[in-house]
Protein backbone atom coordinates (compact mmCIF):
# COMPACT_ATOMS: atom_id res chain seq x y z
CA MET A 1 -27.29 -30.42 6.74
CA PRO A 2 -26.76 -27.23 4.71
CA LYS A 3 -23.20 -26.09 4.11
CA ILE A 4 -22.18 -23.21 6.39
CA VAL A 5 -20.53 -20.38 4.47
CA ASP A 6 -18.18 -17.95 6.20
CA HIS A 7 -19.64 -14.70 4.85
CA HIS A 8 -16.56 -12.57 5.62
CA LYS A 9 -14.13 -15.07 4.08
CA GLN A 10 -16.29 -15.27 0.98
CA LYS A 11 -16.28 -11.47 0.73
CA GLN A 12 -12.49 -11.52 1.00
CA LYS A 13 -12.33 -14.14 -1.76
CA VAL A 14 -14.46 -11.95 -4.04
CA ALA A 15 -12.42 -8.84 -3.18
CA GLN A 16 -9.16 -10.64 -3.94
CA ALA A 17 -10.61 -11.75 -7.27
CA ALA A 18 -11.62 -8.14 -7.97
CA MET A 19 -8.07 -6.97 -7.26
CA ARG A 20 -6.63 -9.56 -9.65
CA VAL A 21 -9.02 -8.41 -12.40
CA ILE A 22 -8.14 -4.76 -11.69
CA LYS A 23 -4.42 -5.53 -11.94
CA GLN A 24 -4.82 -7.50 -15.18
CA GLU A 25 -7.37 -5.37 -17.01
CA GLY A 26 -7.74 -2.07 -15.17
CA LEU A 27 -10.43 -0.84 -12.83
CA GLU A 28 -12.77 0.35 -15.60
CA SER A 29 -12.86 -3.18 -17.02
CA ALA A 30 -13.53 -4.82 -13.65
CA SER A 31 -17.12 -5.79 -14.39
CA VAL A 32 -19.27 -7.88 -12.07
CA ARG A 33 -19.21 -10.74 -14.59
CA LYS A 34 -15.41 -10.80 -14.87
CA ILE A 35 -14.95 -10.63 -11.11
CA ALA A 36 -17.49 -13.42 -10.60
CA VAL A 37 -15.68 -15.65 -13.10
CA GLU A 38 -12.33 -14.93 -11.41
CA ALA A 39 -13.86 -15.72 -8.00
CA GLY A 40 -15.44 -18.92 -9.29
CA ILE A 41 -19.01 -17.93 -8.45
CA SER A 42 -22.06 -16.82 -10.41
CA ALA A 43 -22.71 -13.15 -11.08
CA GLY A 44 -25.99 -13.51 -9.20
CA SER A 45 -24.15 -14.76 -6.12
CA MET A 46 -22.15 -11.54 -6.00
CA ARG A 47 -25.24 -9.72 -4.71
CA HIS A 48 -25.18 -11.90 -1.59
CA TYR A 49 -21.88 -10.29 -0.61
CA PHE A 50 -21.89 -6.82 -2.20
CA SER A 51 -25.02 -4.90 -3.13
CA THR A 52 -23.11 -2.53 -5.43
CA GLN A 53 -19.82 -2.46 -7.30
CA GLN A 54 -18.86 0.59 -5.22
CA GLU A 55 -19.30 -1.44 -2.03
CA LEU A 56 -17.00 -4.11 -3.45
CA PHE A 57 -14.35 -1.53 -4.34
CA LEU A 58 -14.49 -0.02 -0.83
CA PHE A 59 -14.12 -3.46 0.73
CA SER A 60 -11.17 -4.19 -1.58
CA MET A 61 -9.47 -0.93 -0.63
CA ASN A 62 -9.89 -1.80 3.03
CA LEU A 63 -8.48 -5.25 2.37
CA ILE A 64 -5.28 -3.76 0.92
CA GLN A 65 -4.92 -1.54 4.00
CA GLU A 66 -5.39 -4.56 6.26
CA ARG A 67 -2.77 -6.54 4.35
CA VAL A 68 -0.19 -3.76 4.72
CA LYS A 69 -1.00 -3.26 8.41
CA GLU A 70 -0.76 -6.98 9.13
CA ARG A 71 2.60 -7.16 7.39
CA ILE A 72 3.92 -4.16 9.35
CA THR A 73 2.53 -5.50 12.64
CA GLY A 74 4.25 -8.82 12.01
CA LEU A 75 7.69 -7.29 11.47
CA PRO A 76 10.21 -8.36 14.13
CA LEU A 77 12.05 -4.98 14.04
CA LYS A 78 14.95 -6.27 16.13
CA GLY A 79 17.67 -4.38 14.31
CA SER A 80 19.10 -0.93 14.89
CA THR A 81 16.85 2.12 14.62
CA GLU A 82 18.22 2.84 11.14
CA GLU A 83 17.56 -0.73 9.97
CA ASN A 84 14.08 -0.76 11.47
CA VAL A 85 13.15 2.55 9.78
CA ILE A 86 14.21 1.25 6.37
CA THR A 87 12.41 -2.06 6.91
CA LEU A 88 9.23 -0.23 7.90
CA LEU A 89 9.25 2.15 4.93
CA GLU A 90 10.00 -0.69 2.52
CA GLN A 91 6.64 -2.28 3.36
CA VAL A 92 4.84 0.30 1.20
CA LEU A 93 7.20 0.04 -1.77
CA PRO A 94 6.91 -2.40 -4.73
CA LEU A 95 9.93 -4.51 -3.80
CA ASP A 96 8.39 -7.94 -4.42
CA GLU A 97 5.35 -9.40 -6.19
CA GLU A 98 3.04 -9.03 -3.18
CA ARG A 99 3.85 -5.35 -2.59
CA LYS A 100 3.89 -4.62 -6.33
CA PHE A 101 0.41 -6.11 -6.63
CA GLU A 102 -0.87 -3.96 -3.74
CA MET A 103 0.65 -0.78 -5.18
CA GLU A 104 -0.74 -1.38 -8.67
CA VAL A 105 -4.27 -1.98 -7.39
CA TRP A 106 -4.07 0.95 -4.98
CA GLN A 107 -2.94 3.32 -7.71
CA ALA A 108 -5.95 2.22 -9.78
CA PHE A 109 -8.22 3.06 -6.84
CA THR A 110 -6.47 6.41 -6.37
CA VAL A 111 -7.21 7.42 -9.96
CA LYS A 112 -10.81 6.23 -9.60
CA ALA A 113 -11.20 8.24 -6.40
CA LEU A 114 -10.58 11.47 -8.32
CA THR A 115 -14.06 11.17 -9.82
CA GLU A 116 -15.80 8.93 -7.25
CA PRO A 117 -16.63 10.82 -4.01
CA ASP A 118 -17.49 7.58 -2.17
CA LEU A 119 -13.90 6.36 -2.54
CA GLN A 120 -12.24 9.61 -1.51
CA PRO A 121 -12.42 9.33 2.33
CA LEU A 122 -10.80 5.90 2.38
CA ASN A 123 -8.22 6.95 -0.20
CA ALA A 124 -7.37 10.03 1.88
CA LYS A 125 -7.11 7.88 5.01
CA MET A 126 -4.59 5.57 3.32
CA TYR A 127 -2.39 8.48 2.28
CA ASP A 128 -2.66 10.07 5.73
CA GLU A 129 -1.49 6.80 7.28
CA LEU A 130 1.47 6.79 4.88
CA PHE A 131 2.28 10.36 5.97
CA GLN A 132 2.03 9.35 9.64
CA THR A 133 4.36 6.41 8.98
CA ALA A 134 6.95 8.77 7.48
CA LYS A 135 6.53 11.10 10.47
CA PHE A 136 6.89 8.24 12.94
CA CYS A 137 10.12 7.07 11.31
CA LEU A 138 11.68 10.53 11.40
CA MET A 139 10.59 11.13 14.99
CA LYS A 140 12.16 7.83 15.99
CA LEU A 141 15.42 8.82 14.30
CA LYS A 142 15.27 12.19 16.08
CA GLU A 143 14.56 10.61 19.49
CA ASP A 144 17.58 8.37 19.08
CA GLY A 145 19.79 11.33 18.15
CA LEU A 146 20.31 10.20 14.57
CA LEU A 147 18.82 13.14 12.64
CA LEU A 148 21.07 16.04 11.72
CA ASN A 149 20.61 18.94 14.15
CA HIS A 150 19.30 21.45 11.62
CA ILE A 151 16.50 19.20 10.32
CA ASP A 152 12.99 20.71 10.08
CA LEU A 153 10.87 17.71 11.08
CA LEU A 154 7.65 18.85 9.37
CA LEU A 155 9.41 19.73 6.13
CA GLU A 156 11.40 16.50 6.12
CA THR A 157 8.24 14.50 6.77
CA GLU A 158 6.66 16.05 3.68
CA ARG A 159 9.81 15.31 1.69
CA LEU A 160 10.05 11.68 2.83
CA TYR A 161 6.31 11.24 2.19
CA ALA A 162 6.75 12.59 -1.34
CA ILE A 163 9.78 10.36 -1.98
CA ILE A 164 7.93 7.22 -0.82
CA ASN A 165 4.94 8.13 -2.98
CA GLY A 166 7.16 8.78 -5.97
CA LEU A 167 9.14 5.57 -5.56
CA ALA A 168 5.94 3.54 -5.21
CA LEU A 169 4.43 5.04 -8.37
CA ASN A 170 7.58 4.96 -10.49
CA GLY A 171 8.38 1.46 -9.29
CA ILE A 172 5.19 0.13 -10.89
CA VAL A 173 5.03 2.48 -13.89
CA GLN A 174 8.71 2.10 -14.89
CA PRO A 175 9.91 -1.14 -13.25
CA ASP A 176 12.75 -1.60 -15.74
CA ARG A 177 14.18 1.84 -14.97
CA LEU A 178 13.52 1.58 -11.24
CA PRO A 179 13.93 -2.05 -10.13
CA PRO A 180 13.79 -2.98 -6.41
CA GLN A 181 17.53 -2.53 -5.83
CA HIS A 182 17.35 1.03 -7.20
CA ILE A 183 14.30 1.81 -5.03
CA ARG A 184 16.19 0.65 -1.96
CA SER A 185 19.26 2.67 -2.95
CA VAL A 186 17.26 5.88 -3.44
CA LEU A 187 15.53 5.46 -0.07
CA GLN A 188 18.80 4.71 1.72
CA ARG A 189 20.61 7.61 0.04
CA HIS A 190 17.87 10.04 1.05
CA LEU A 191 17.86 8.90 4.68
CA GLN A 192 21.64 9.01 4.74
CA SER A 193 21.50 12.66 3.65
CA ILE A 194 19.55 13.69 6.76
CA THR A 195 21.14 11.44 9.39
CA LYS A 196 24.43 11.31 11.25
CA LYS A 197 25.10 7.66 10.41
CA ASP A 198 25.37 5.59 7.25
CA MET A 199 21.89 4.16 6.49
CA SER A 200 23.08 1.54 4.01
CA PRO A 201 22.80 -2.09 5.17
């Protein structure tokens, strides 16, 4: 009886291998041959799962989004509003190896998207979701009466969005200067500056 192969799981395996190659050697060096070797399959077999390298990259970008969403969905969020907001925002910051890996690969895709139109819609969607996450957190703080009264919600959403983006990028580009404890401190200090309560744990 022939072996039954789960096509979607195999595609995920190849995409995860692609992400490891991208992290180690950069996106430009992520050739079909290198990805196939990392995935433990032949280069010819790759065509059974992805017809083009672009298709593989799009699938890999989607996989990162799914990983982040699954992690956020699985959060218990049983603390105070302030604690829950910080926990939620920390899911998109390089605070451990898993999140650092995701951020490094995503930044590589972001740079690639500047010159690859096919990658741009998905890249824009990811950043829009990050913006919406920042907006959701601030609206929750406002609903619970925790934001300072004079706060401009739209402006503060843009500011928080920019801070999260900056922390994510600097956290992977300069990890020695901005280790996880510093990232957390910057995020907490910013939120503390626009709320009525101390946001530190």
